[in-house]
Structures are given as C-alpha cells and as structure tokens.
N, C-alpha and C. Protein backbone atom coordinates (compact mmCIF):
# COMPACT_ATOMS: atom_id res chain seq x y z
N MET A 1 76.78 87.60 85.93
CA MET A 1 76.44 87.16 85.01
C MET A 1 74.98 87.56 84.58
N ALA A 2 74.65 87.23 83.33
CA ALA A 2 73.27 88.20 82.96
C ALA A 2 72.06 87.06 83.20
N ASN A 3 71.10 87.89 83.51
CA ASN A 3 69.57 87.02 83.95
C ASN A 3 69.33 86.46 82.75
N PHE A 4 69.40 85.04 81.99
CA PHE A 4 68.73 84.55 80.71
C PHE A 4 67.62 83.58 81.11
N ASN A 5 66.45 84.24 80.44
CA ASN A 5 65.36 83.20 80.62
C ASN A 5 64.53 83.18 79.11
N LEU A 6 64.39 82.39 78.82
CA LEU A 6 63.87 81.98 77.30
C LEU A 6 62.83 80.78 77.30
N ASN A 7 61.44 80.81 76.70
CA ASN A 7 61.04 79.66 76.56
C ASN A 7 60.37 79.34 75.09
N LYS A 8 60.67 79.58 74.09
CA LYS A 8 60.34 79.37 73.11
C LYS A 8 60.48 78.24 72.02
N VAL A 9 59.27 77.56 71.65
CA VAL A 9 59.94 76.75 70.77
C VAL A 9 58.89 76.68 69.33
N ILE A 10 59.69 75.86 68.21
CA ILE A 10 59.04 75.86 66.91
C ILE A 10 59.16 74.54 66.23
N LEU A 11 57.81 74.12 65.74
CA LEU A 11 58.18 72.69 65.92
C LEU A 11 56.90 72.55 64.33
N GLY A 12 57.75 71.71 63.74
CA GLY A 12 56.91 71.13 62.31
C GLY A 12 56.60 69.98 62.33
N GLY A 13 55.42 69.49 62.01
CA GLY A 13 55.00 68.22 61.93
C GLY A 13 53.77 67.89 61.34
N ARG A 14 53.39 66.91 61.59
CA ARG A 14 51.61 66.25 61.11
C ARG A 14 50.88 66.03 62.43
N ILE A 15 49.51 66.55 62.12
CA ILE A 15 48.38 65.88 63.32
C ILE A 15 48.43 64.80 63.20
N THR A 16 48.01 64.17 64.21
CA THR A 16 47.96 62.90 64.51
C THR A 16 46.30 62.13 64.57
N ALA A 17 45.70 62.90 64.95
CA ALA A 17 44.22 62.20 64.89
C ALA A 17 43.38 63.66 64.46
N ASP A 18 42.32 63.22 64.46
CA ASP A 18 40.99 64.18 64.48
C ASP A 18 41.09 65.42 65.01
N LEU A 19 40.96 66.66 65.18
CA LEU A 19 40.64 67.58 65.97
C LEU A 19 39.02 67.54 66.22
N GLU A 20 38.68 68.22 67.67
CA GLU A 20 38.03 68.69 68.49
C GLU A 20 38.15 70.26 69.25
N LEU A 21 37.42 70.64 68.73
CA LEU A 21 37.17 72.03 69.41
C LEU A 21 36.25 72.03 70.78
N LYS A 22 36.81 72.62 72.04
CA LYS A 22 35.75 72.69 73.25
C LYS A 22 35.43 73.82 73.54
N GLN A 23 34.99 74.08 74.27
CA GLN A 23 34.73 75.19 75.01
C GLN A 23 34.96 75.00 76.71
N THR A 24 35.61 75.86 77.39
CA THR A 24 35.73 75.79 78.79
C THR A 24 34.40 76.63 79.50
N GLN A 25 33.64 76.26 81.04
CA GLN A 25 32.78 76.38 81.32
C GLN A 25 32.27 77.70 81.32
N SER A 26 33.17 78.86 81.15
CA SER A 26 33.55 80.26 80.62
C SER A 26 32.88 80.43 79.03
N GLY A 27 33.12 79.73 78.05
CA GLY A 27 32.90 80.05 76.87
C GLY A 27 33.98 80.07 75.85
N ILE A 28 35.32 79.81 76.75
CA ILE A 28 36.08 80.39 75.77
C ILE A 28 36.95 78.98 75.25
N ALA A 29 37.30 78.81 73.52
CA ALA A 29 37.99 77.74 72.58
C ALA A 29 38.85 77.44 72.82
N THR A 30 38.53 75.94 73.21
CA THR A 30 40.35 75.57 73.34
C THR A 30 40.40 73.92 72.27
N ILE A 31 41.73 73.78 72.16
CA ILE A 31 41.86 72.77 71.52
C ILE A 31 42.89 71.87 71.64
N GLN A 32 43.13 70.90 72.34
CA GLN A 32 44.45 69.98 71.97
C GLN A 32 44.40 68.53 71.21
N PHE A 33 45.75 68.90 70.82
CA PHE A 33 46.08 67.46 69.66
C PHE A 33 47.57 67.39 69.67
N THR A 34 47.92 66.41 69.09
CA THR A 34 49.04 65.65 69.41
C THR A 34 49.94 66.31 67.54
N ILE A 35 51.18 66.18 67.59
CA ILE A 35 52.07 66.32 66.39
C ILE A 35 52.79 65.34 66.26
N ALA A 36 52.85 64.57 65.15
CA ALA A 36 54.25 63.63 65.05
C ALA A 36 55.58 64.56 64.34
N VAL A 37 56.44 64.85 65.26
CA VAL A 37 57.91 65.88 64.66
C VAL A 37 59.06 64.17 64.66
N ASN A 38 58.98 64.41 63.23
CA ASN A 38 60.56 63.20 62.75
C ASN A 38 61.75 63.38 63.37
N ARG A 39 62.62 63.00 63.67
CA ARG A 39 63.81 63.11 64.14
C ARG A 39 64.71 61.91 63.03
N ARG A 40 65.51 62.04 62.57
CA ARG A 40 66.62 61.61 62.51
C ARG A 40 67.68 61.45 62.91
N PHE A 41 68.60 60.31 62.87
CA PHE A 41 69.59 60.11 64.12
C PHE A 41 70.47 59.35 63.55
N GLN A 42 71.86 58.65 63.49
CA GLN A 42 72.58 57.91 63.01
C GLN A 42 72.58 56.64 63.89
N GLY A 43 72.66 55.46 63.04
CA GLY A 43 72.98 54.17 64.28
C GLY A 43 74.14 54.21 64.35
N LYS A 44 74.56 52.96 64.75
CA LYS A 44 75.94 52.51 64.97
C LYS A 44 76.88 52.32 63.40
N GLN A 45 76.19 51.57 62.69
CA GLN A 45 76.63 51.05 61.24
C GLN A 45 76.55 52.56 60.59
N ALA A 46 76.60 53.89 60.74
CA ALA A 46 76.44 55.31 60.43
C ALA A 46 75.48 55.35 59.72
N GLU A 47 74.11 54.05 59.55
CA GLU A 47 73.27 54.40 58.62
C GLU A 47 72.35 55.31 59.35
N ASP A 48 71.64 56.15 58.47
CA ASP A 48 70.53 57.18 58.75
C ASP A 48 69.10 56.46 59.14
N ASN A 49 68.81 56.31 60.77
CA ASN A 49 67.45 55.91 60.98
C ASN A 49 66.67 57.09 61.62
N GLN A 50 65.42 56.66 61.40
CA GLN A 50 64.34 58.01 61.48
C GLN A 50 63.22 57.75 62.32
N THR A 51 63.03 58.67 63.18
CA THR A 51 61.82 58.04 64.85
C THR A 51 61.33 59.16 64.48
N ALA A 52 60.15 59.51 65.34
CA ALA A 52 59.16 60.42 65.55
C ALA A 52 59.27 60.81 67.17
N ASP A 53 58.93 61.85 67.45
CA ASP A 53 58.10 62.19 68.77
C ASP A 53 57.41 62.53 68.65
N PHE A 54 56.16 62.64 69.72
CA PHE A 54 54.85 63.13 69.65
C PHE A 54 54.87 64.01 70.43
N ILE A 55 53.89 65.42 70.24
CA ILE A 55 54.27 66.23 71.06
C ILE A 55 52.91 66.66 71.15
N THR A 56 52.50 67.03 72.61
CA THR A 56 51.07 67.55 72.83
C THR A 56 51.17 69.00 72.30
N VAL A 57 50.11 69.52 71.63
CA VAL A 57 50.00 70.92 71.76
C VAL A 57 48.28 71.21 72.20
N LYS A 58 48.76 72.47 72.95
CA LYS A 58 47.34 73.26 73.33
C LYS A 58 47.16 74.72 72.71
N ALA A 59 45.71 75.08 72.45
CA ALA A 59 45.89 76.22 72.02
C ALA A 59 44.36 76.72 72.32
N TRP A 60 44.37 78.10 72.36
CA TRP A 60 43.31 78.95 72.81
C TRP A 60 42.98 79.74 72.08
N ARG A 61 41.28 80.34 72.39
CA ARG A 61 40.70 81.02 71.70
C ARG A 61 40.70 81.35 70.42
N GLN A 62 40.99 82.25 69.79
CA GLN A 62 40.81 82.69 68.24
C GLN A 62 41.74 81.55 67.29
N THR A 63 42.90 81.19 68.02
CA THR A 63 44.15 80.12 67.23
C THR A 63 43.53 78.98 67.52
N ALA A 64 42.55 78.71 68.57
CA ALA A 64 41.81 77.03 68.44
C ALA A 64 40.72 76.93 67.23
N GLU A 65 40.08 78.35 67.14
CA GLU A 65 39.14 78.47 66.15
C GLU A 65 39.81 78.17 64.78
N PHE A 66 40.93 78.66 64.10
CA PHE A 66 41.59 78.51 63.41
C PHE A 66 42.14 77.21 63.30
N VAL A 67 42.67 76.60 63.87
CA VAL A 67 42.88 75.39 63.72
C VAL A 67 42.13 74.30 63.54
N SER A 68 40.84 74.16 64.29
CA SER A 68 40.18 73.19 64.07
C SER A 68 39.06 73.85 62.50
N ARG A 69 39.22 74.88 62.07
CA ARG A 69 38.69 75.32 61.07
C ARG A 69 39.46 74.43 59.47
N PHE A 70 40.76 74.64 59.74
CA PHE A 70 41.61 74.87 58.87
C PHE A 70 42.50 73.69 58.56
N PHE A 71 42.86 72.67 59.46
CA PHE A 71 43.62 71.63 59.65
C PHE A 71 42.45 70.23 60.03
N LYS A 72 43.36 69.15 59.87
CA LYS A 72 42.61 67.94 60.08
C LYS A 72 43.97 66.79 59.81
N LYS A 73 43.42 65.82 60.70
CA LYS A 73 44.37 64.61 60.77
C LYS A 73 45.44 64.46 59.76
N GLY A 74 46.60 64.56 59.78
CA GLY A 74 47.76 64.10 58.68
C GLY A 74 48.09 65.27 58.16
N SER A 75 47.41 66.42 58.72
CA SER A 75 48.24 68.04 57.84
C SER A 75 49.13 68.42 58.39
N SER A 76 49.97 69.00 57.47
CA SER A 76 51.19 69.61 58.28
C SER A 76 50.72 71.04 58.67
N ILE A 77 51.99 71.00 59.93
CA ILE A 77 51.53 72.01 60.87
C ILE A 77 52.79 72.44 61.35
N CYS A 78 53.43 74.27 61.66
CA CYS A 78 54.13 74.21 61.91
C CYS A 78 53.36 75.32 63.63
N VAL A 79 54.64 74.69 64.56
CA VAL A 79 53.64 75.49 66.10
C VAL A 79 54.67 76.24 66.72
N VAL A 80 54.17 77.66 66.54
CA VAL A 80 55.13 78.27 67.67
C VAL A 80 54.66 78.80 69.28
N GLY A 81 55.28 78.24 69.97
CA GLY A 81 54.77 78.22 71.55
C GLY A 81 55.90 78.33 72.23
N ALA A 82 54.98 77.78 73.58
CA ALA A 82 56.28 77.58 74.87
C ALA A 82 56.29 76.59 75.34
N ILE A 83 57.31 75.45 76.32
CA ILE A 83 56.86 74.44 76.55
C ILE A 83 56.59 74.22 77.53
N GLN A 84 55.35 73.91 78.56
CA GLN A 84 54.92 73.61 79.72
C GLN A 84 54.88 72.29 80.38
N THR A 85 55.33 71.94 81.39
CA THR A 85 55.62 70.80 82.20
C THR A 85 54.79 71.23 83.09
N ARG A 86 53.97 69.74 83.46
CA ARG A 86 52.90 69.41 84.58
C ARG A 86 53.17 68.48 85.42
N ASN A 87 52.87 68.50 86.63
CA ASN A 87 52.82 66.86 87.72
C ASN A 87 51.76 66.86 88.34
N TRP A 88 51.21 65.59 88.80
CA TRP A 88 50.20 65.61 89.58
C TRP A 88 50.09 64.28 90.05
N THR A 89 49.84 63.92 90.75
CA THR A 89 49.56 62.29 91.79
C THR A 89 48.01 62.24 91.71
N ASP A 90 47.44 60.88 90.72
CA ASP A 90 46.22 60.36 90.95
C ASP A 90 45.41 60.10 92.31
N GLN A 91 44.50 59.36 92.17
CA GLN A 91 43.89 58.91 93.51
C GLN A 91 44.85 57.65 93.61
N GLN A 92 45.29 57.22 92.81
CA GLN A 92 46.30 55.89 93.45
C GLN A 92 47.28 56.06 94.24
N GLY A 93 47.96 57.50 93.78
CA GLY A 93 49.21 57.65 94.52
C GLY A 93 50.15 57.97 93.43
N VAL A 94 50.22 57.55 92.52
CA VAL A 94 51.06 57.54 91.25
C VAL A 94 51.09 58.91 90.33
N LYS A 95 52.56 59.07 90.65
CA LYS A 95 52.85 60.55 90.27
C LYS A 95 52.57 60.32 88.61
N HIS A 96 52.18 61.40 87.50
CA HIS A 96 52.24 61.73 86.59
C HIS A 96 52.89 62.97 86.11
N TYR A 97 53.47 63.18 84.80
CA TYR A 97 54.14 64.20 84.19
C TYR A 97 53.68 64.23 82.88
N SER A 98 53.44 65.48 82.55
CA SER A 98 52.84 65.85 80.99
C SER A 98 53.98 67.16 80.51
N THR A 99 54.43 67.05 79.66
CA THR A 99 54.93 68.13 78.65
C THR A 99 54.40 68.20 77.77
N GLU A 100 54.13 69.68 77.60
CA GLU A 100 53.08 70.33 76.41
C GLU A 100 53.68 71.39 75.70
N VAL A 101 53.34 72.27 74.64
CA VAL A 101 53.38 73.10 74.25
C VAL A 101 52.09 74.01 73.78
C-alpha cells in the first residue's frame, strides 16, 4: 500500500469582515480573516437549499501584506492552502478546537 499524504484545499468565497494587518513581535506581517463559502444541498422535497460555511484563513509575510492591500470586506477571494487543526484547554478546563486554512 502506498503512503499517500496530501493536505491541500482550494476555497472561493467572500471576506466577511474588515481586514487588519498585524505584526508579530519579530516583525513578521500576519493577517487572519474569515471567508464565507456557499454550499448547496438538496432538501427533503428535492428543493435546492443554500447555506454558507465560514472558514478561518491565516496568511503570513508578503501574502498577508498583499491581502490587506487589495482586499476588503465583501471582496471575492480564492484561497489555496492547507488545513490545520489545533486544540487547547482554557483556564476553566474547557477544551477548544479550531480548524483553519
């Protein structure tokens, strides 16, 4: 059996909020934003329904600067990246999960 590992995602959607470019303590540009990606599905009566998935996206360095310069809330955007999941436990002992591109 072949060892097959691939983590690549391509999403097209609209930016949901105003963008804010930030800098890390070491001066690296970073930006985090959410895109709404429409998804169609068929209901019980065979009617077409539509919903949206809200995906968190992070960008770094020149990509972050490019996004902050040329995009704004409501802009259509195509994102190519990898899915990353994180989990952590807060001070109250509640476990949190996050998935982002």
